[in-house]
C-alpha atoms as a PDB file:
ATOM      1  CA  UNK A   1      87.251 149.486  68.489  1.00  0.00           C
ATOM      2  CA  UNK A   2      89.971 147.100  67.382  1.00  0.00           C
ATOM      3  CA  UNK A   3      89.393 143.571  68.714  1.00  0.00           C
ATOM      4  CA  UNK A   4      92.175 141.310  69.949  1.00  0.00           C
ATOM      5  CA  UNK A   5      92.767 137.778  68.706  1.00  0.00           C
ATOM      6  CA  UNK A   6      92.399 135.385  71.647  1.00  0.00           C
ATOM      7  CA  UNK A   7      95.114 132.959  70.612  1.00  0.00           C
ATOM      8  CA  UNK A   8      95.354 131.438  74.105  1.00  0.00           C
ATOM      9  CA  UNK A   9      91.624 131.007  74.615  1.00  0.00           C
ATOM     10  CA  UNK A  10      90.735 127.808  76.465  1.00  0.00           C
ATOM     11  CA  UNK A  11      86.991 126.967  76.348  1.00  0.00           C
ATOM     12  CA  UNK A  12      87.356 125.016  79.623  1.00  0.00           C
ATOM     13  CA  UNK A  13      87.912 128.249  81.553  1.00  0.00           C
ATOM     14  CA  UNK A  14      85.006 130.003  79.838  1.00  0.00           C
ATOM     15  CA  UNK A  15      82.302 127.419  80.372  1.00  0.00           C
ATOM     16  CA  UNK A  16      79.726 127.930  83.084  1.00  0.00           C
ATOM     17  CA  UNK A  17      80.368 125.517  86.075  1.00  0.00           C
ATOM     18  CA  UNK A  18      76.934 123.847  85.814  1.00  0.00           C
ATOM     19  CA  UNK A  19      77.446 123.427  82.093  1.00  0.00           C
ATOM     20  CA  UNK A  20      80.923 122.016  82.569  1.00  0.00           C
ATOM     21  CA  UNK A  21      79.767 119.431  85.146  1.00  0.00           C
ATOM     22  CA  UNK A  22      77.226 117.922  82.739  1.00  0.00           C
ATOM     23  CA  UNK A  23      79.584 117.997  79.712  1.00  0.00           C
ATOM     24  CA  UNK A  24      82.328 116.199  81.674  1.00  0.00           C
ATOM     25  CA  UNK A  25      79.913 113.486  82.825  1.00  0.00           C
ATOM     26  CA  UNK A  26      78.699 112.834  79.283  1.00  0.00           C
ATOM     27  CA  UNK A  27      82.214 112.962  77.835  1.00  0.00           C
ATOM     28  CA  UNK A  28      83.260 110.246  80.261  1.00  0.00           C
ATOM     29  CA  UNK A  29      80.861 107.763  78.651  1.00  0.00           C
ATOM     30  CA  UNK A  30      83.130 105.780  76.308  1.00  0.00           C
ATOM     31  CA  UNK A  31      82.424 106.525  72.656  1.00  0.00           C
ATOM     32  CA  UNK A  32      79.183 108.391  73.400  1.00  0.00           C
ATOM     33  CA  UNK A  33      80.155 111.769  71.989  1.00  0.00           C
ATOM     34  CA  UNK A  34      81.605 110.229  68.815  1.00  0.00           C
ATOM     35  CA  UNK A  35      78.512 108.056  68.405  1.00  0.00           C
ATOM     36  CA  UNK A  36      76.200 111.081  68.680  1.00  0.00           C
ATOM     37  CA  UNK A  37      78.250 113.058  66.163  1.00  0.00           C
ATOM     38  CA  UNK A  38      78.222 110.268  63.618  1.00  0.00           C
ATOM     39  CA  UNK A  39      74.532 109.444  63.996  1.00  0.00           C
ATOM     40  CA  UNK A  40      72.197 112.111  65.325  1.00  0.00           C
ATOM     41  CA  UNK A  41      74.607 114.957  64.572  1.00  0.00           C
ATOM     42  CA  UNK A  42      75.140 113.979  60.953  1.00  0.00           C
ATOM     43  CA  UNK A  43      71.409 113.372  60.522  1.00  0.00           C
ATOM     44  CA  UNK A  44      70.669 116.908  61.720  1.00  0.00           C
ATOM     45  CA  UNK A  45      73.521 118.149  59.495  1.00  0.00           C
ATOM     46  CA  UNK A  46      72.029 116.438  56.383  1.00  0.00           C
ATOM     47  CA  UNK A  47      68.570 117.779  57.259  1.00  0.00           C
ATOM     48  CA  UNK A  48      69.921 121.298  57.623  1.00  0.00           C
ATOM     49  CA  UNK A  49      71.874 121.082  54.386  1.00  0.00           C
ATOM     50  CA  UNK A  50      68.781 120.102  52.424  1.00  0.00           C
ATOM     51  CA  UNK A  51      66.367 122.424  54.248  1.00  0.00           C
ATOM     52  CA  UNK A  52      68.392 125.626  54.255  1.00  0.00           C
ATOM     53  CA  UNK A  53      69.811 125.118  50.785  1.00  0.00           C
ATOM     54  CA  UNK A  54      66.354 124.423  49.388  1.00  0.00           C
ATOM     55  CA  UNK A  55      64.381 126.959  51.462  1.00  0.00           C
ATOM     56  CA  UNK A  56      66.891 129.437  52.853  1.00  0.00           C
ATOM     57  CA  UNK A  57      69.765 131.642  51.778  1.00  0.00           C
ATOM     58  CA  UNK A  58      73.400 130.581  52.005  1.00  0.00           C
ATOM     59  CA  UNK A  59      75.828 133.258  53.135  1.00  0.00           C
ATOM     60  CA  UNK A  60      79.122 132.794  51.225  1.00  0.00           C
ATOM     61  CA  UNK A  61      82.077 135.002  50.342  1.00  0.00           C
ATOM     62  CA  UNK A  62      80.337 135.613  47.022  1.00  0.00           C
ATOM     63  CA  UNK A  63      76.686 136.037  48.104  1.00  0.00           C
ATOM     64  CA  UNK A  64      77.313 138.297  51.108  1.00  0.00           C
ATOM     65  CA  UNK A  65      81.011 139.063  51.717  1.00  0.00           C
ATOM     66  CA  UNK A  66      80.285 141.437  54.629  1.00  0.00           C
ATOM     67  CA  UNK A  67      78.335 138.965  56.815  1.00  0.00           C
ATOM     68  CA  UNK A  68      80.570 136.013  55.809  1.00  0.00           C
ATOM     69  CA  UNK A  69      83.622 138.154  56.615  1.00  0.00           C
ATOM     70  CA  UNK A  70      82.163 138.811  60.108  1.00  0.00           C
ATOM     71  CA  UNK A  71      81.741 135.102  60.691  1.00  0.00           C
ATOM     72  CA  UNK A  72      85.307 134.424  59.495  1.00  0.00           C
ATOM     73  CA  UNK A  73      86.723 137.096  61.761  1.00  0.00           C
ATOM     74  CA  UNK A  74      84.717 135.944  64.764  1.00  0.00           C
ATOM     75  CA  UNK A  75      86.032 132.427  64.213  1.00  0.00           C
ATOM     76  CA  UNK A  76      89.577 133.772  64.009  1.00  0.00           C
ATOM     77  CA  UNK A  77      89.163 135.760  67.244  1.00  0.00           C
ATOM     78  CA  UNK A  78      87.786 132.780  69.161  1.00  0.00           C
ATOM     79  CA  UNK A  79      90.083 130.198  67.575  1.00  0.00           C
ATOM     80  CA  UNK A  80      87.616 128.061  65.604  1.00  0.00           C
ATOM     81  CA  UNK A  81      89.677 126.832  62.710  1.00  0.00           C
ATOM     82  CA  UNK A  82      86.909 125.438  60.456  1.00  0.00           C
ATOM     83  CA  UNK A  83      84.373 128.095  59.483  1.00  0.00           C
ATOM     84  CA  UNK A  84      80.819 126.709  59.717  1.00  0.00           C
ATOM     85  CA  UNK A  85      78.336 126.946  56.888  1.00  0.00           C
ATOM     86  CA  UNK A  86      76.107 130.005  57.371  1.00  0.00           C
ATOM     87  CA  UNK A  87      72.472 130.278  56.289  1.00  0.00           C
ATOM     88  CA  UNK A  88      69.635 132.750  56.724  1.00  0.00           C
ATOM     89  CA  UNK A  89      66.055 131.670  57.261  1.00  0.00           C
ATOM     90  CA  UNK A  90      63.080 133.989  56.968  1.00  0.00           C
ATOM     91  CA  UNK A  91      61.792 135.466  60.175  1.00  0.00           C
ATOM     92  CA  UNK A  92      61.627 139.075  61.259  1.00  0.00           C
ATOM     93  CA  UNK A  93      62.873 138.558  64.773  1.00  0.00           C
ATOM     94  CA  UNK A  94      66.384 138.123  66.189  1.00  0.00           C
ATOM     95  CA  UNK A  95      67.435 134.511  66.569  1.00  0.00           C
ATOM     96  CA  UNK A  96      70.246 132.106  65.811  1.00  0.00           C
ATOM     97  CA  UNK A  97      71.001 128.410  66.163  1.00  0.00           C
ATOM     98  CA  UNK A  98      73.597 125.913  65.093  1.00  0.00           C
ATOM     99  CA  UNK A  99      73.377 122.289  63.989  1.00  0.00           C
ATOM    100  CA  UNK A 100      75.689 119.601  62.825  1.00  0.00           C
ATOM    101  CA  UNK A 101      77.855 116.592  63.451  1.00  0.00           C
ATOM    102  CA  UNK A 102      81.131 116.517  61.551  1.00  0.00           C
ATOM    103  CA  UNK A 103      80.456 119.903  60.004  1.00  0.00           C
ATOM    104  CA  UNK A 104      78.467 122.668  61.648  1.00  0.00           C
ATOM    105  CA  UNK A 105      75.979 125.107  60.179  1.00  0.00           C
ATOM    106  CA  UNK A 106      74.935 128.377  61.847  1.00  0.00           C
ATOM    107  CA  UNK A 107      71.448 129.637  60.971  1.00  0.00           C
ATOM    108  CA  UNK A 108      70.425 133.258  61.451  1.00  0.00           C
ATOM    109  CA  UNK A 109      66.984 134.785  61.099  1.00  0.00           C
ATOM    110  CA  UNK A 110      66.587 137.565  58.529  1.00  0.00           C
ATOM    111  CA  UNK A 111      65.768 139.902  61.367  1.00  0.00           C
ATOM    112  CA  UNK A 112      69.115 139.238  63.015  1.00  0.00           C
ATOM    113  CA  UNK A 113      70.929 140.749  60.036  1.00  0.00           C
ATOM    114  CA  UNK A 114      68.460 143.588  59.510  1.00  0.00           C
ATOM    115  CA  UNK A 115      67.935 144.619  63.125  1.00  0.00           C
ATOM    116  CA  UNK A 116      71.394 144.245  64.618  1.00  0.00           C
ATOM    117  CA  UNK A 117      74.406 146.509  64.176  1.00  0.00           C
ATOM    118  CA  UNK A 118      77.485 144.668  62.871  1.00  0.00           C
ATOM    119  CA  UNK A 119      79.083 144.538  66.338  1.00  0.00           C
ATOM    120  CA  UNK A 120      75.846 143.169  67.765  1.00  0.00           C
ATOM    121  CA  UNK A 121      75.802 140.468  65.104  1.00  0.00           C
ATOM    122  CA  UNK A 122      79.338 139.569  66.214  1.00  0.00           C
ATOM    123  CA  UNK A 123      77.920 138.815  69.658  1.00  0.00           C
ATOM    124  CA  UNK A 124      75.211 136.568  68.139  1.00  0.00           C
ATOM    125  CA  UNK A 125      77.714 134.779  65.862  1.00  0.00           C
ATOM    126  CA  UNK A 126      80.168 134.411  68.756  1.00  0.00           C
ATOM    127  CA  UNK A 127      77.389 132.832  70.804  1.00  0.00           C
ATOM    128  CA  UNK A 128      76.927 130.111  68.196  1.00  0.00           C
ATOM    129  CA  UNK A 129      80.670 129.654  67.712  1.00  0.00           C
ATOM    130  CA  UNK A 130      80.800 129.271  71.531  1.00  0.00           C
ATOM    131  CA  UNK A 131      78.371 126.319  71.397  1.00  0.00           C
ATOM    132  CA  UNK A 132      80.723 124.648  68.926  1.00  0.00           C
ATOM    133  CA  UNK A 133      83.920 125.363  70.885  1.00  0.00           C
ATOM    134  CA  UNK A 134      82.402 124.311  74.228  1.00  0.00           C
ATOM    135  CA  UNK A 135      81.518 120.902  72.818  1.00  0.00           C
ATOM    136  CA  UNK A 136      77.756 121.394  73.083  1.00  0.00           C
ATOM    137  CA  UNK A 137      76.781 120.335  69.601  1.00  0.00           C
ATOM    138  CA  UNK A 138      76.475 116.522  69.881  1.00  0.00           C
ATOM    139  CA  UNK A 139      74.429 116.859  73.072  1.00  0.00           C
ATOM    140  CA  UNK A 140      72.343 119.713  71.712  1.00  0.00           C
ATOM    141  CA  UNK A 141      71.413 117.465  68.766  1.00  0.00           C
ATOM    142  CA  UNK A 142      70.464 114.723  71.247  1.00  0.00           C
ATOM    143  CA  UNK A 143      68.180 117.070  73.201  1.00  0.00           C
ATOM    144  CA  UNK A 144      66.540 118.348  70.054  1.00  0.00           C
ATOM    145  CA  UNK A 145      65.962 114.808  68.876  1.00  0.00           C
ATOM    146  CA  UNK A 146      64.400 113.777  72.175  1.00  0.00           C
ATOM    147  CA  UNK A 147      61.833 116.570  71.767  1.00  0.00           C
ATOM    148  CA  UNK A 148      60.726 115.449  68.291  1.00  0.00           C
ATOM    149  CA  UNK A 149      57.322 113.735  67.942  1.00  0.00           C
ATOM    150  CA  UNK A 150      59.080 110.364  67.675  1.00  0.00           C
ATOM    151  CA  UNK A 151      60.032 110.579  71.346  1.00  0.00           C
ATOM    152  CA  UNK A 152      56.948 112.383  72.579  1.00  0.00           C
ATOM    153  CA  UNK A 153      54.258 110.189  74.192  1.00  0.00           C
ATOM    154  CA  UNK A 154      51.734 111.955  76.358  1.00  0.00           C
ATOM    155  CA  UNK A 155      50.043 108.741  77.447  1.00  0.00           C
ATOM    156  CA  UNK A 156      52.543 107.756  80.118  1.00  0.00           C
ATOM    157  CA  UNK A 157      55.781 108.695  81.805  1.00  0.00           C
ATOM    158  CA  UNK A 158      58.699 106.813  80.251  1.00  0.00           C
ATOM    159  CA  UNK A 159      62.434 106.496  80.833  1.00  0.00           C
ATOM    160  CA  UNK A 160      62.934 108.971  77.976  1.00  0.00           C
ATOM    161  CA  UNK A 161      60.755 111.519  79.843  1.00  0.00           C
ATOM    162  CA  UNK A 162      63.014 111.148  82.892  1.00  0.00           C
ATOM    163  CA  UNK A 163      66.021 111.950  80.688  1.00  0.00           C
ATOM    164  CA  UNK A 164      64.453 114.798  78.719  1.00  0.00           C
ATOM    165  CA  UNK A 165      63.841 117.333  81.492  1.00  0.00           C
ATOM    166  CA  UNK A 166      67.393 117.235  83.016  1.00  0.00           C
ATOM    167  CA  UNK A 167      68.850 117.418  79.524  1.00  0.00           C
ATOM    168  CA  UNK A 168      66.666 120.410  78.651  1.00  0.00           C
ATOM    169  CA  UNK A 169      67.760 122.103  81.870  1.00  0.00           C
ATOM    170  CA  UNK A 170      71.373 121.612  80.803  1.00  0.00           C
ATOM    171  CA  UNK A 171      70.487 122.836  77.292  1.00  0.00           C
ATOM    172  CA  UNK A 172      69.337 126.141  78.819  1.00  0.00           C
ATOM    173  CA  UNK A 173      72.416 126.426  81.033  1.00  0.00           C
ATOM    174  CA  UNK A 174      74.693 125.943  78.031  1.00  0.00           C
ATOM    175  CA  UNK A 175      73.563 129.367  76.788  1.00  0.00           C
ATOM    176  CA  UNK A 176      75.379 130.995  79.700  1.00  0.00           C
ATOM    177  CA  UNK A 177      78.669 129.656  78.376  1.00  0.00           C
ATOM    178  CA  UNK A 178      77.833 130.623  74.804  1.00  0.00           C
ATOM    179  CA  UNK A 179      76.964 134.157  75.919  1.00  0.00           C
ATOM    180  CA  UNK A 180      80.455 134.463  77.414  1.00  0.00           C
ATOM    181  CA  UNK A 181      81.893 133.442  74.041  1.00  0.00           C
ATOM    182  CA  UNK A 182      79.650 136.015  72.389  1.00  0.00           C
ATOM    183  CA  UNK A 183      81.087 138.717  74.627  1.00  0.00           C
ATOM    184  CA  UNK A 184      84.614 137.549  73.875  1.00  0.00           C
ATOM    185  CA  UNK A 185      83.785 137.846  70.167  1.00  0.00           C
ATOM    186  CA  UNK A 186      82.338 141.377  70.257  1.00  0.00           C
ATOM    187  CA  UNK A 187      84.557 142.464  73.180  1.00  0.00           C
ATOM    188  CA  UNK A 188      82.115 145.094  74.491  1.00  0.00           C
ATOM    189  CA  UNK A 189      79.763 144.380  77.360  1.00  0.00           C
ATOM    190  CA  UNK A 190      77.427 147.166  76.268  1.00  0.00           C
ATOM    191  CA  UNK A 191      77.151 145.675  72.801  1.00  0.00           C
ATOM    192  CA  UNK A 192      76.326 142.263  74.341  1.00  0.00           C
ATOM    193  CA  UNK A 193      73.642 143.715  76.609  1.00  0.00           C
ATOM    194  CA  UNK A 194      72.245 145.857  73.811  1.00  0.00           C
ATOM    195  CA  UNK A 195      71.870 142.750  71.667  1.00  0.00           C
ATOM    196  CA  UNK A 196      69.940 140.993  74.420  1.00  0.00           C
ATOM    197  CA  UNK A 197      67.710 144.022  74.884  1.00  0.00           C
ATOM    198  CA  UNK A 198      66.800 143.958  71.202  1.00  0.00           C
ATOM    199  CA  UNK A 199      66.211 140.174  71.387  1.00  0.00           C
ATOM    200  CA  UNK A 200      63.901 140.687  74.385  1.00  0.00           C
ATOM    201  CA  UNK A 201      61.421 142.633  72.267  1.00  0.00           C
ATOM    202  CA  UNK A 202      62.479 146.275  72.204  1.00  0.00           C
ATOM    203  CA  UNK A 203      60.557 148.049  69.390  1.00  0.00           C
ATOM    204  CA  UNK A 204      62.722 149.145  66.447  1.00  0.00           C
ATOM    205  CA  UNK A 205      61.587 152.779  66.984  1.00  0.00           C
ATOM    206  CA  UNK A 206      63.359 152.697  70.364  1.00  0.00           C
ATOM    207  CA  UNK A 207      66.710 151.446  69.074  1.00  0.00           C
ATOM    208  CA  UNK A 208      68.252 154.955  69.221  1.00  0.00           C
ATOM    209  CA  UNK A 209      67.542 155.327  72.952  1.00  0.00           C
ATOM    210  CA  UNK A 210      68.376 151.970  74.486  1.00  0.00           C
ATOM    211  CA  UNK A 211      68.677 152.168  78.288  1.00  0.00           C
ATOM    212  CA  UNK A 212      71.053 149.434  79.415  1.00  0.00           C
ATOM    213  CA  UNK A 213      70.869 150.474  83.050  1.00  0.00           C
ATOM    214  CA  UNK A 214      67.052 150.084  83.018  1.00  0.00           C
ATOM    215  CA  UNK A 215      67.363 146.568  81.622  1.00  0.00           C
ATOM    216  CA  UNK A 216      69.937 145.615  84.293  1.00  0.00           C
ATOM    217  CA  UNK A 217      67.612 147.028  86.905  1.00  0.00           C
ATOM    218  CA  UNK A 218      64.810 144.958  85.443  1.00  0.00           C
ATOM    219  CA  UNK A 219      66.943 141.862  86.071  1.00  0.00           C
ATOM    220  CA  UNK A 220      67.560 142.870  89.674  1.00  0.00           C
ATOM    221  CA  UNK A 221      63.827 143.524  90.123  1.00  0.00           C
ATOM    222  CA  UNK A 222      63.033 140.115  88.672  1.00  0.00           C
ATOM    223  CA  UNK A 223      65.181 138.434  91.365  1.00  0.00           C
ATOM    224  CA  UNK A 224      64.184 140.699  94.305  1.00  0.00           C
ATOM    225  CA  UNK A 225      60.492 141.316  93.754  1.00  0.00           C
ATOM    226  CA  UNK A 226      59.407 137.966  92.302  1.00  0.00           C
ATOM    227  CA  UNK A 227      60.794 135.652  94.932  1.00  0.00           C
ATOM    228  CA  UNK A 228      57.857 134.545  97.058  1.00  0.00           C
ATOM    229  CA  UNK A 229      56.547 130.979  96.998  1.00  0.00           C
ATOM    230  CA  UNK A 230      53.905 131.558  94.307  1.00  0.00           C
ATOM    231  CA  UNK A 231      56.311 133.436  92.032  1.00  0.00           C
ATOM    232  CA  UNK A 232      58.883 130.648  92.359  1.00  0.00           C
ATOM    233  CA  UNK A 233      56.305 128.093  91.280  1.00  0.00           C
ATOM    234  CA  UNK A 234      55.234 130.259  88.365  1.00  0.00           C
ATOM    235  CA  UNK A 235      58.884 130.723  87.311  1.00  0.00           C
ATOM    236  CA  UNK A 236      59.488 126.918  87.321  1.00  0.00           C
ATOM    237  CA  UNK A 237      56.439 126.134  85.209  1.00  0.00           C
ATOM    238  CA  UNK A 238      57.029 129.057  82.860  1.00  0.00           C
ATOM    239  CA  UNK A 239      60.612 128.079  82.014  1.00  0.00           C
ATOM    240  CA  UNK A 240      60.323 124.271  82.236  1.00  0.00           C
ATOM    241  CA  UNK A 241      59.783 123.778  78.486  1.00  0.00           C
ATOM    242  CA  UNK A 242      61.829 126.735  77.251  1.00  0.00           C
ATOM    243  CA  UNK A 243      64.983 126.035  75.253  1.00  0.00           C
ATOM    244  CA  UNK A 244      66.948 129.006  76.626  1.00  0.00           C
ATOM    245  CA  UNK A 245      66.923 131.067  79.844  1.00  0.00           C
ATOM    246  CA  UNK A 246      64.993 134.305  79.961  1.00  0.00           C
ATOM    247  CA  UNK A 247      66.996 137.175  78.504  1.00  0.00           C
ATOM    248  CA  UNK A 248      66.944 139.277  81.720  1.00  0.00           C
ATOM    249  CA  UNK A 249      68.465 136.268  83.487  1.00  0.00           C
ATOM    250  CA  UNK A 250      71.038 135.703  80.744  1.00  0.00           C
ATOM    251  CA  UNK A 251      72.087 139.367  80.825  1.00  0.00           C
ATOM    252  CA  UNK A 252      72.425 139.240  84.580  1.00  0.00           C
ATOM    253  CA  UNK A 253      74.581 136.118  84.445  1.00  0.00           C
ATOM    254  CA  UNK A 254      76.796 137.574  81.746  1.00  0.00           C
ATOM    255  CA  UNK A 255      77.240 140.864  83.586  1.00  0.00           C
ATOM    256  CA  UNK A 256      78.185 138.979  86.757  1.00  0.00           C
ATOM    257  CA  UNK A 257      80.852 137.047  84.848  1.00  0.00           C
ATOM    258  CA  UNK A 258      82.140 140.269  83.266  1.00  0.00           C
ATOM    259  CA  UNK A 259      82.353 141.998  86.629  1.00  0.00           C
ATOM    260  CA  UNK A 260      84.151 139.019  88.195  1.00  0.00           C
ATOM    261  CA  UNK A 261      87.302 140.028  86.243  1.00  0.00           C
ATOM    262  CA  UNK A 262      87.485 136.744  84.273  1.00  0.00           C
ATOM    263  CA  UNK A 263      86.696 138.459  81.004  1.00  0.00           C
ATOM    264  CA  UNK A 264      89.417 141.057  81.471  1.00  0.00           C
ATOM    265  CA  UNK A 265      92.042 138.418  82.350  1.00  0.00           C
ATOM    266  CA  UNK A 266      91.289 136.469  79.137  1.00  0.00           C
ATOM    267  CA  UNK A 267      91.325 139.476  76.861  1.00  0.00           C
ATOM    268  CA  UNK A 268      94.478 140.943  78.389  1.00  0.00           C
ATOM    269  CA  UNK A 269      96.298 137.629  78.240  1.00  0.00           C
ATOM    270  CA  UNK A 270      95.379 137.019  74.551  1.00  0.00           C
END
């Protein structure tokens, strides 16, 4: 399927409302975003440059033209002018993340390249490009820094502890916005859902018979049948330290946005 270039894409109309509310509040603090980019962001960037150059594999036009070409095309579709650095770190599971201040780097696990079809990898790359376009990066770097040992003290509750949990809750919500960008990159809701199914733990032997409807039903079941008082408490304590929402929840949120008609309006407008 030929994908359209989204030349009129405005991240402000993609971003999840709860994500947008937090971003706007933080952006209103004079100089805060710029300060984070220049300090924490650039520190993470320098760390990533050393770590993944010394103990990873850089994807470049020369080392892997196919995957680098995908990243370039996904950036072109979503309107990110500066292509991030791209590295691969060993791990036979499907994951991705992005770091950086003035210059971003996307990191993929080896499994992401081996286990995903090219169009599924577009969804994953689009997700990370989405974090960059939505303005998440400085605040993501802040959250990740707050959860380093330097800021972890189990002996007492501090002001930093009161900041960390709300920021981590926002960090999880920001994935809803990035998933929308991933969908806009691959431009196929079934591809996006298939990627999430693989990320959720589907055995490789089952890849040729993925049942998207069953996974969607699993999300409905999760909401409907696990909603009593005890289940709600378990859900809270299970997710409280996670850095992203559960995949059945993410897929349900993305499907709701797709069915709302917003996706179609953006793609048809171009």
